[in-house]
Protein backbone atom coordinates (compact mmCIF):
# COMPACT_ATOMS: atom_id res chain seq x y z
CA MET A 1 21.05 -85.09 79.97
CA ALA A 2 18.50 -86.01 77.34
CA ASN A 3 15.75 -85.71 79.94
CA ALA A 4 17.07 -82.31 81.02
CA LEU A 5 17.03 -81.09 77.42
CA ALA A 6 13.49 -82.34 76.92
CA LYS A 7 12.32 -80.66 80.13
CA ASP A 8 13.92 -77.35 79.18
CA LEU A 9 12.34 -77.37 75.74
CA GLU A 10 8.99 -78.47 77.13
CA LEU A 11 8.96 -75.44 79.43
CA MET A 12 9.94 -73.23 76.51
CA PHE A 13 7.09 -74.71 74.44
CA GLU A 14 4.53 -74.11 77.19
CA THR A 15 5.65 -70.49 77.48
CA ALA A 16 5.49 -70.06 73.72
CA VAL A 17 1.95 -71.44 73.55
CA SER A 18 0.75 -69.00 76.21
CA GLU A 19 2.39 -66.12 74.34
CA TYR A 20 0.63 -67.23 71.15
CA ASP A 21 -2.83 -66.81 72.71
CA ALA A 22 -2.02 -63.31 73.91
CA ALA A 23 -0.90 -62.23 70.43
CA CYS A 24 -4.09 -63.24 68.59
CA VAL A 25 -6.61 -60.47 67.92
CA ILE A 26 -8.33 -61.14 64.61
CA SER A 27 -8.13 -64.92 64.58
CA ARG A 28 -9.96 -65.09 67.92
CA GLU A 29 -13.02 -63.56 66.25
CA ALA A 30 -13.37 -66.00 63.33
CA GLU A 31 -15.44 -69.17 63.33
CA THR A 32 -13.16 -72.19 63.75
CA SER A 33 -13.33 -75.89 62.88
CA TYR A 34 -11.06 -78.93 62.83
CA PRO A 35 -11.66 -81.06 59.73
CA ASP A 36 -10.84 -84.75 60.02
CA PRO A 37 -7.14 -85.19 59.07
CA GLN A 38 -7.70 -88.46 57.22
CA ALA A 39 -10.56 -87.02 55.18
CA MET A 40 -8.45 -83.96 54.33
CA GLN A 41 -5.58 -86.11 53.10
CA ARG A 42 -7.92 -88.04 50.81
CA ALA A 43 -9.50 -84.84 49.51
CA GLY A 44 -6.26 -83.03 48.70
CA ASP A 45 -6.57 -80.73 51.73
CA THR A 46 -9.82 -79.29 50.39
CA PHE A 47 -13.25 -79.48 51.98
CA TYR A 48 -16.55 -77.71 51.38
CA LYS A 49 -18.63 -75.65 53.78
CA LYS A 50 -22.31 -74.91 53.32
CA GLN A 51 -23.64 -71.41 52.84
CA SER A 52 -26.99 -70.32 54.25
CA TYR A 53 -30.29 -71.14 52.55
CA ASN A 54 -32.88 -68.67 51.23
CA ALA A 55 -36.51 -69.18 50.21
CA THR A 56 -39.08 -67.45 47.99
CA VAL A 57 -42.48 -66.44 49.43
CA THR A 58 -45.66 -67.18 47.44
CA THR A 59 -48.84 -65.27 48.36
CA GLY A 60 -52.35 -66.75 48.11
CA MET A 61 -54.63 -69.54 49.32
CA ASP A 62 -54.31 -71.82 46.31
CA ILE A 63 -50.63 -72.17 45.41
CA SER A 64 -50.95 -75.34 43.37
CA LEU A 65 -49.67 -73.50 40.29
CA ALA A 66 -46.97 -71.58 42.13
CA THR A 67 -43.32 -72.00 41.27
CA PRO A 68 -41.62 -73.72 44.20
CA THR A 69 -38.37 -72.46 45.67
CA ASP A 70 -35.34 -74.09 44.13
CA VAL A 71 -33.58 -75.90 46.94
CA ILE A 72 -29.92 -75.43 46.07
CA GLU A 73 -27.10 -76.45 48.36
CA ARG A 74 -24.36 -73.87 48.02
CA PHE A 75 -20.87 -74.89 49.06
CA VAL A 76 -17.67 -72.90 49.48
CA PRO A 77 -14.27 -74.57 49.02
CA THR A 78 -11.85 -74.30 51.92
CA VAL A 79 -8.23 -75.13 51.15
CA TYR A 80 -5.35 -75.43 53.58
CA ARG A 81 -2.44 -73.12 53.00
CA SER A 82 1.07 -74.49 52.95
CA PRO A 83 2.13 -74.94 56.59
CA ASP A 84 3.62 -71.93 58.36
CA ASN A 85 6.89 -72.67 60.15
CA VAL A 86 9.55 -71.07 62.30
CA LEU A 87 12.92 -72.86 62.13
CA TYR A 88 15.96 -71.95 64.19
CA TYR A 89 19.08 -73.46 65.76
CA LEU A 90 20.48 -73.25 69.26
CA ASP A 91 24.10 -74.27 69.75
CA ALA A 92 25.48 -75.92 72.85
CA LYS A 93 26.58 -72.59 74.29
CA GLU A 94 23.21 -70.94 73.76
CA MET A 95 21.43 -73.92 75.29
CA ARG A 96 23.06 -73.07 78.61
CA ASP A 97 20.84 -70.01 79.00
CA PRO A 98 17.17 -70.83 79.80
CA ASP A 99 16.12 -67.22 79.24
CA HIS A 100 17.66 -67.25 75.76
CA LYS A 101 15.69 -70.38 74.86
CA ALA A 102 12.46 -69.00 76.32
CA ARG A 103 12.75 -65.70 74.47
CA MET A 104 13.29 -67.45 71.14
CA GLY A 105 10.30 -69.69 71.80
CA ARG A 106 8.14 -66.65 72.53
CA ALA A 107 9.38 -64.99 69.35
CA ALA A 108 8.44 -68.06 67.31
CA ALA A 109 4.93 -68.17 68.77
CA LEU A 110 4.38 -64.44 68.28
CA LYS A 111 5.48 -64.69 64.65
CA LEU A 112 3.12 -67.57 63.92
CA ALA A 113 0.23 -65.75 65.62
CA ALA A 114 0.94 -62.56 63.69
CA THR A 115 1.14 -64.48 60.41
CA ILE A 116 -2.25 -66.13 60.95
CA ASP A 117 -3.84 -62.80 61.86
CA ALA A 118 -2.26 -61.10 58.84
CA ASN A 119 -3.37 -63.83 56.43
CA LEU A 120 -6.92 -63.81 57.77
CA TYR A 121 -7.05 -60.01 57.54
CA SER A 122 -5.71 -60.11 53.99
CA THR A 123 -8.30 -62.72 52.97
CA VAL A 124 -11.15 -60.56 54.22
CA ALA A 125 -9.65 -57.40 52.72
CA SER A 126 -9.46 -59.00 49.27
CA ARG A 127 -12.94 -60.58 49.22
CA ALA A 128 -15.19 -58.25 51.24
CA ALA A 129 -18.16 -57.15 49.14
CA ILE A 130 -19.32 -54.12 51.14
CA VAL A 131 -17.06 -51.13 50.55
CA VAL A 132 -17.39 -47.85 52.44
CA LYS A 133 -15.38 -45.05 50.87
CA SER A 134 -14.49 -41.83 52.67
CA THR A 135 -12.48 -38.90 51.32
CA THR A 136 -11.65 -37.81 54.86
CA ALA A 137 -10.07 -39.44 57.90
CA LEU A 138 -11.94 -42.39 59.38
CA SER A 139 -14.72 -41.32 61.73
CA TRP A 140 -17.53 -42.72 63.83
CA ASP A 141 -19.93 -41.92 60.97
CA ASN A 142 -18.09 -44.24 58.55
CA VAL A 143 -18.66 -47.19 60.87
CA ALA A 144 -22.31 -46.17 61.27
CA THR A 145 -22.57 -46.18 57.47
CA ALA A 146 -21.18 -49.72 57.42
CA GLU A 147 -23.87 -50.76 59.88
CA ALA A 148 -26.58 -49.10 57.78
CA LEU A 149 -25.41 -50.94 54.67
CA MET A 150 -25.46 -54.26 56.52
CA LEU A 151 -28.89 -53.68 58.04
CA SER A 152 -30.37 -52.63 54.70
CA ARG A 153 -29.20 -55.95 53.24
CA GLY A 154 -30.80 -58.00 55.98
CA ILE A 155 -27.68 -58.56 58.05
CA GLY A 156 -29.61 -57.82 61.21
CA ALA A 157 -28.80 -56.44 64.60
CA GLY A 158 -29.15 -59.97 66.00
CA GLU A 159 -25.97 -61.02 64.21
CA ARG A 160 -22.78 -60.17 66.08
CA ARG A 161 -20.68 -57.78 64.03
CA LYS A 162 -17.02 -56.84 64.44
CA VAL A 163 -14.85 -54.09 63.00
CA PHE A 164 -11.04 -54.18 62.98
CA MET A 165 -9.21 -50.88 62.61
CA ASN A 166 -5.63 -50.42 61.56
CA PRO A 167 -3.60 -48.33 64.04
CA PHE A 168 -3.67 -45.10 62.04
CA ASP A 169 -7.41 -45.06 61.38
CA TYR A 170 -8.10 -46.18 64.95
CA LEU A 171 -6.20 -43.10 66.10
CA ALA A 172 -8.34 -40.93 63.83
CA VAL A 173 -11.55 -42.40 65.24
CA SER A 174 -10.39 -41.88 68.83
CA SER A 175 -9.59 -38.26 67.98
CA ASN A 176 -12.99 -37.86 66.33
CA LEU A 177 -14.70 -39.38 69.35
CA ALA A 178 -12.72 -37.30 71.84
CA GLY A 179 -14.07 -34.15 70.21
CA ARG A 180 -17.71 -35.09 70.74
CA ALA A 181 -19.34 -33.30 73.63
CA TYR A 182 -22.07 -35.70 74.70
CA LEU A 183 -20.52 -39.09 75.46
CA GLY A 184 -19.09 -38.43 78.92
CA ASP A 185 -16.45 -40.88 80.13
CA ILE A 186 -16.20 -42.46 76.68
CA ASN A 187 -14.78 -39.19 75.37
CA LYS A 188 -12.29 -39.09 78.24
CA SER A 189 -11.01 -42.59 77.43
CA ALA A 190 -10.73 -41.68 73.77
CA TYR A 191 -8.79 -38.54 74.64
CA GLU A 192 -6.47 -40.01 77.29
CA ARG A 193 -5.84 -43.56 76.04
CA SER A 194 -6.98 -43.57 72.40
CA GLN A 195 -9.58 -46.12 73.53
CA VAL A 196 -12.58 -46.53 71.24
CA PRO A 197 -15.79 -48.21 72.50
CA ASP A 198 -18.09 -50.41 70.46
CA ILE A 199 -19.50 -48.37 67.58
CA ALA A 200 -22.91 -48.63 65.91
CA GLY A 201 -23.51 -52.22 66.92
CA PHE A 202 -19.95 -53.32 66.07
CA ALA A 203 -17.54 -54.83 68.55
CA THR A 204 -14.47 -52.68 67.93
CA PHE A 205 -10.92 -54.00 67.80
CA ARG A 206 -7.61 -52.26 67.25
CA THR A 207 -5.18 -54.34 65.23
CA ASP A 208 -1.54 -53.88 64.31
CA ASN A 209 -2.23 -55.25 60.83
CA VAL A 210 -1.80 -52.76 58.01
CA ALA A 211 -3.18 -54.26 54.79
CA ASN A 212 -2.97 -51.62 52.09
CA LEU A 213 -5.35 -51.57 49.15
CA THR A 214 -3.44 -50.13 46.20
CA THR A 215 -4.88 -47.22 44.27
CA VAL A 216 -6.52 -48.02 41.00
CA GLY A 217 -4.69 -47.21 37.75
CA THR A 218 -6.06 -45.29 34.76
CA VAL A 219 -9.48 -46.91 34.44
CA THR A 220 -11.60 -44.40 32.57
CA SER A 221 -14.20 -45.61 30.07
CA ILE A 222 -14.21 -49.26 31.13
CA THR A 223 -17.63 -50.74 30.46
CA VAL A 224 -19.61 -53.95 30.80
CA SER A 225 -19.21 -56.05 27.65
CA GLY A 226 -22.78 -57.26 27.11
CA ALA A 227 -25.46 -57.96 29.71
CA GLN A 228 -24.11 -60.24 32.43
CA SER A 229 -25.42 -62.10 35.47
CA HIS A 230 -24.99 -65.40 37.28
CA THR A 231 -27.34 -68.34 37.76
CA VAL A 232 -26.95 -70.16 41.06
CA THR A 233 -26.29 -73.88 40.63
CA ALA A 234 -25.32 -76.68 42.97
CA MET A 235 -22.69 -78.33 40.78
CA THR A 236 -20.32 -77.44 37.95
CA GLY A 237 -19.24 -80.72 36.45
CA ASP A 238 -18.30 -83.01 39.32
CA LEU A 239 -17.56 -80.24 41.83
CA PRO A 240 -19.76 -77.87 43.85
CA THR A 241 -20.23 -74.47 42.21
CA ASP A 242 -18.59 -71.55 43.97
CA ASN A 243 -21.53 -69.14 43.78
CA ARG A 244 -19.64 -66.40 45.59
CA GLN A 245 -18.05 -65.34 42.30
CA MET A 246 -18.52 -65.27 38.54
CA SER A 247 -16.68 -64.69 35.30
CA PHE A 248 -17.05 -61.11 34.06
CA THR A 249 -16.11 -59.56 30.73
CA ALA A 250 -15.19 -55.89 30.51
CA ALA A 251 -14.49 -53.66 27.53
CA GLY A 252 -12.28 -50.63 27.04
CA ALA A 253 -8.69 -49.76 26.28
CA ASN A 254 -7.89 -49.20 29.97
CA ALA A 255 -9.16 -52.57 31.18
CA ALA A 256 -5.58 -53.84 31.33
CA ASN A 257 -4.91 -51.30 34.11
CA VAL A 258 -7.40 -52.91 36.49
CA ASN A 259 -5.73 -54.74 39.38
CA VAL A 260 -6.76 -57.72 41.46
CA GLY A 261 -8.37 -56.28 44.60
CA ASP A 262 -9.92 -53.24 42.90
CA CYS A 263 -13.44 -52.23 43.98
CA PHE A 264 -16.10 -50.97 41.57
CA THR A 265 -19.81 -50.34 41.11
CA ILE A 266 -22.06 -50.77 38.07
CA PRO A 267 -24.82 -48.21 37.32
CA GLY A 268 -28.30 -49.64 37.85
CA VAL A 269 -27.06 -52.62 39.87
CA ASN A 270 -28.22 -51.94 43.41
CA ALA A 271 -27.91 -54.28 46.37
CA VAL A 272 -31.14 -55.80 47.68
CA HIS A 273 -32.29 -56.99 51.08
CA ASN A 274 -31.23 -60.64 51.39
CA ILE A 275 -34.63 -61.78 52.68
CA ASP A 276 -37.41 -59.62 51.22
CA LYS A 277 -35.45 -58.62 48.07
CA SER A 278 -36.37 -54.94 48.38
CA ASP A 279 -34.11 -52.39 46.70
CA THR A 280 -31.71 -50.82 49.20
CA GLY A 281 -31.12 -47.85 46.93
CA GLN A 282 -27.39 -48.42 47.30
CA LEU A 283 -25.11 -49.65 44.53
CA MET A 284 -23.66 -53.12 45.00
CA THR A 285 -19.88 -53.07 45.25
CA PHE A 286 -17.78 -55.68 43.47
CA ARG A 287 -14.20 -56.91 43.86
CA VAL A 288 -11.79 -58.14 41.22
CA LEU A 289 -10.50 -61.52 42.43
CA ALA A 290 -8.48 -62.62 39.40
CA LYS A 291 -7.72 -61.69 35.79
CA ALA A 292 -7.35 -64.23 33.00
CA SER A 293 -6.70 -61.40 30.53
CA ALA A 294 -7.10 -57.65 30.30
CA THR A 295 -10.88 -57.93 29.90
CA SER A 296 -11.67 -61.34 31.40
CA TRP A 297 -12.02 -61.13 35.18
CA THR A 298 -13.34 -63.11 38.11
CA ILE A 299 -15.44 -60.87 40.33
CA SER A 300 -17.26 -61.21 43.64
CA PRO A 301 -20.05 -61.24 44.58
CA ALA A 302 -21.74 -62.89 41.63
CA ILE A 303 -24.46 -60.77 40.00
CA ILE A 304 -27.67 -62.66 40.88
CA ALA A 305 -30.75 -60.80 39.63
CA SER A 306 -33.51 -63.31 40.45
CA GLY A 307 -34.42 -66.31 42.58
CA PRO A 308 -34.06 -66.99 46.30
CA TYR A 309 -30.40 -65.95 46.28
CA GLN A 310 -30.99 -62.66 44.44
CA ASN A 311 -28.56 -60.01 45.65
CA VAL A 312 -29.03 -57.18 43.11
CA THR A 313 -31.88 -55.32 41.44
CA ALA A 314 -30.83 -56.07 37.86
CA ALA A 315 -28.24 -57.75 35.69
CA ALA A 316 -25.26 -55.66 34.58
CA ALA A 317 -26.30 -53.88 31.39
CA GLY A 318 -24.00 -53.95 28.38
CA GLY A 319 -22.22 -50.64 27.91
CA ALA A 320 -22.59 -49.53 31.55
CA THR A 321 -19.48 -47.69 32.74
CA LEU A 322 -17.72 -49.03 35.83
CA ALA A 323 -16.90 -46.64 38.68
CA PHE A 324 -13.86 -47.56 40.79
CA LEU A 325 -13.66 -46.75 44.50
CA ASN A 326 -10.07 -47.35 45.64
CA THR A 327 -8.62 -44.03 44.53
CA ALA A 328 -5.70 -43.81 46.98
CA THR A 329 -3.35 -46.41 48.44
CA LYS A 330 -4.46 -46.70 52.06
CA PRO A 331 -4.82 -49.41 54.71
CA VAL A 332 -8.21 -51.07 54.98
CA ASN A 333 -10.43 -51.46 58.01
CA ALA A 334 -12.25 -54.79 57.86
CA PHE A 335 -15.63 -55.72 59.30
CA TRP A 336 -17.86 -58.77 59.16
CA ALA A 337 -20.86 -60.52 60.69
CA GLN A 338 -20.39 -63.61 62.83
CA GLY A 339 -20.06 -66.74 60.72
CA ALA A 340 -18.99 -64.99 57.52
CA VAL A 341 -15.28 -65.68 58.08
CA THR A 342 -13.75 -69.00 59.11
CA LEU A 343 -10.38 -70.21 60.29
CA ASP A 344 -10.01 -73.96 59.92
CA TYR A 345 -7.10 -75.77 61.54
CA GLY A 346 -5.34 -78.95 60.56
CA ASN A 347 -2.87 -81.39 62.04
CA LEU A 348 0.29 -82.78 60.48
CA ALA A 349 1.49 -86.31 61.28
CA PHE A 350 4.91 -85.61 62.78
CA PRO A 351 5.90 -89.07 64.14
CA SER A 352 7.51 -89.42 67.54
CA GLY A 353 10.33 -91.85 68.26
CA GLU A 354 11.82 -91.67 64.78
CA GLY A 355 14.67 -89.25 65.35
CA PRO A 356 13.41 -85.75 66.22
CA GLN A 357 11.33 -85.34 69.36
CA VAL A 358 7.82 -83.99 68.85
CA MET A 359 5.59 -81.98 71.17
CA ARG A 360 2.00 -80.95 70.47
CA ALA A 361 -0.26 -78.41 72.12
CA THR A 362 -3.56 -76.70 71.48
CA THR A 363 -3.73 -73.08 72.59
CA LYS A 364 -6.65 -71.68 74.58
CA ASN A 365 -7.87 -70.23 71.29
CA GLY A 366 -7.91 -73.72 69.81
CA VAL A 367 -4.85 -73.47 67.57
CA PRO A 368 -2.89 -76.73 67.17
CA ILE A 369 0.88 -76.13 67.25
CA VAL A 370 3.61 -78.70 66.72
CA MET A 371 7.18 -78.27 67.97
CA SER A 372 9.87 -80.71 66.89
CA TYR A 373 13.53 -80.62 67.88
CA SER A 374 16.69 -82.63 67.29
CA PHE A 375 20.26 -82.41 68.60
CA ASN A 376 23.19 -83.03 66.24
CA HIS A 377 26.22 -84.04 68.28
CA LEU A 378 28.60 -83.38 65.35
CA THR A 379 27.59 -79.73 64.97
CA ALA A 380 26.61 -79.28 68.63
CA LYS A 381 23.37 -77.65 67.52
CA THR A 382 19.73 -78.27 68.37
CA SER A 383 17.32 -77.57 65.52
CA VAL A 384 13.85 -76.40 66.57
CA ARG A 385 10.78 -76.18 64.35
CA PHE A 386 7.36 -74.70 65.17
CA THR A 387 4.59 -75.58 62.69
CA THR A 388 0.91 -74.81 62.21
CA LEU A 389 -1.56 -75.65 59.42
CA TYR A 390 -4.76 -73.73 58.66
CA ALA A 391 -7.12 -72.27 56.06
CA THR A 392 -8.60 -68.75 55.97
CA THR A 393 -11.94 -68.49 54.16
CA VAL A 394 -14.61 -65.89 53.54
CA ILE A 395 -17.77 -68.00 53.50
CA ASP A 396 -20.08 -65.10 52.67
CA PRO A 397 -18.42 -62.03 51.12
CA GLU A 398 -21.74 -60.16 51.22
CA LYS A 399 -21.54 -60.17 55.02
CA CYS A 400 -18.01 -58.73 55.01
CA GLY A 401 -16.80 -55.25 54.25
CA ILE A 402 -13.95 -52.80 54.27
CA ILE A 403 -13.79 -49.10 55.08
CA LEU A 404 -11.40 -47.05 52.96
CA ALA A 405 -10.48 -43.71 54.51
CA ASN A 406 -8.57 -40.76 53.04
CA GLN A 407 -9.50 -41.55 49.44
CA VAL A 408 -9.35 -38.86 46.76
């Protein structure tokens, strides 16, 4: 009987794992890794990933007096979330029906897959540093604008780029595309099946995730409190510096109305090309990541006005008035370049042979899933637990963006 139970649940687990792969859309497109479990335990489930390097060019034959490029290793902390779980019970009557068990297993896998996708989408939506704002419905042109912003910053055509559209904005794009007269069969697919092809160098994905960015509050007359910028360093104390972000001080009576997630620009602070440092002519967009007080914020990206990691034309000038972009509560459409977003998986040491039975599997997408189960003869119930452990991280927010449609 015990063997029969194990076989039934093993089949259910195999079915659930296959369903999990089919449900993943966003997580399939992130870079993945599998940090060593022992090292993660000793490091408090935190590890550091390197960002890319940049260099400064010196012109001339004799460069003996030139200032060399500062070689700075930049690291980004990656921290495991608390494990995601699905827990349920099957009583002795329910266990008689294989279809009932299989359906619940599929439901558990689908829920875990959806949760990972949603958390990854939310991470990108909150940290993306390129913001495209449109006061109309999402269109092909908005995605082309996103590509232009990336190219102007040195995120070249050789880097694979992806855009993920929420269902409502995807519908708007398919409608926009269907009305174009010169794309032949592509228009027909857009009209008949709401199918959108790759756009402007982006691999295009439709997702069922709807991550809303809330409209900004009353934020008039908020200014920069004194000139501010960030100096890239390797270490802060005994830990690597997180150079993706910086502390920022604002001024103004309405600063308390600013919310985490808000997007803003600063006059005179344009984005530059990542390699040649030329002015793109486009304002850099910033995100509010945290607030210690009404006027003390953590923002991303950091304002870096010089050196090999320069990302803007100038430091933020004191007294400059901030302009906020998220002027209506709408779902975001996320995009990023390959390598900018990571999904790092972990394993938990669920022991076998100590009461509950444990099964492990790795999906085709590389996701480790643990299923444990135990039968209680007094209650006549089998408890089943599905578990997964992972971290979602934006390694380079300047290679990620969001498109906000239907703003006011």
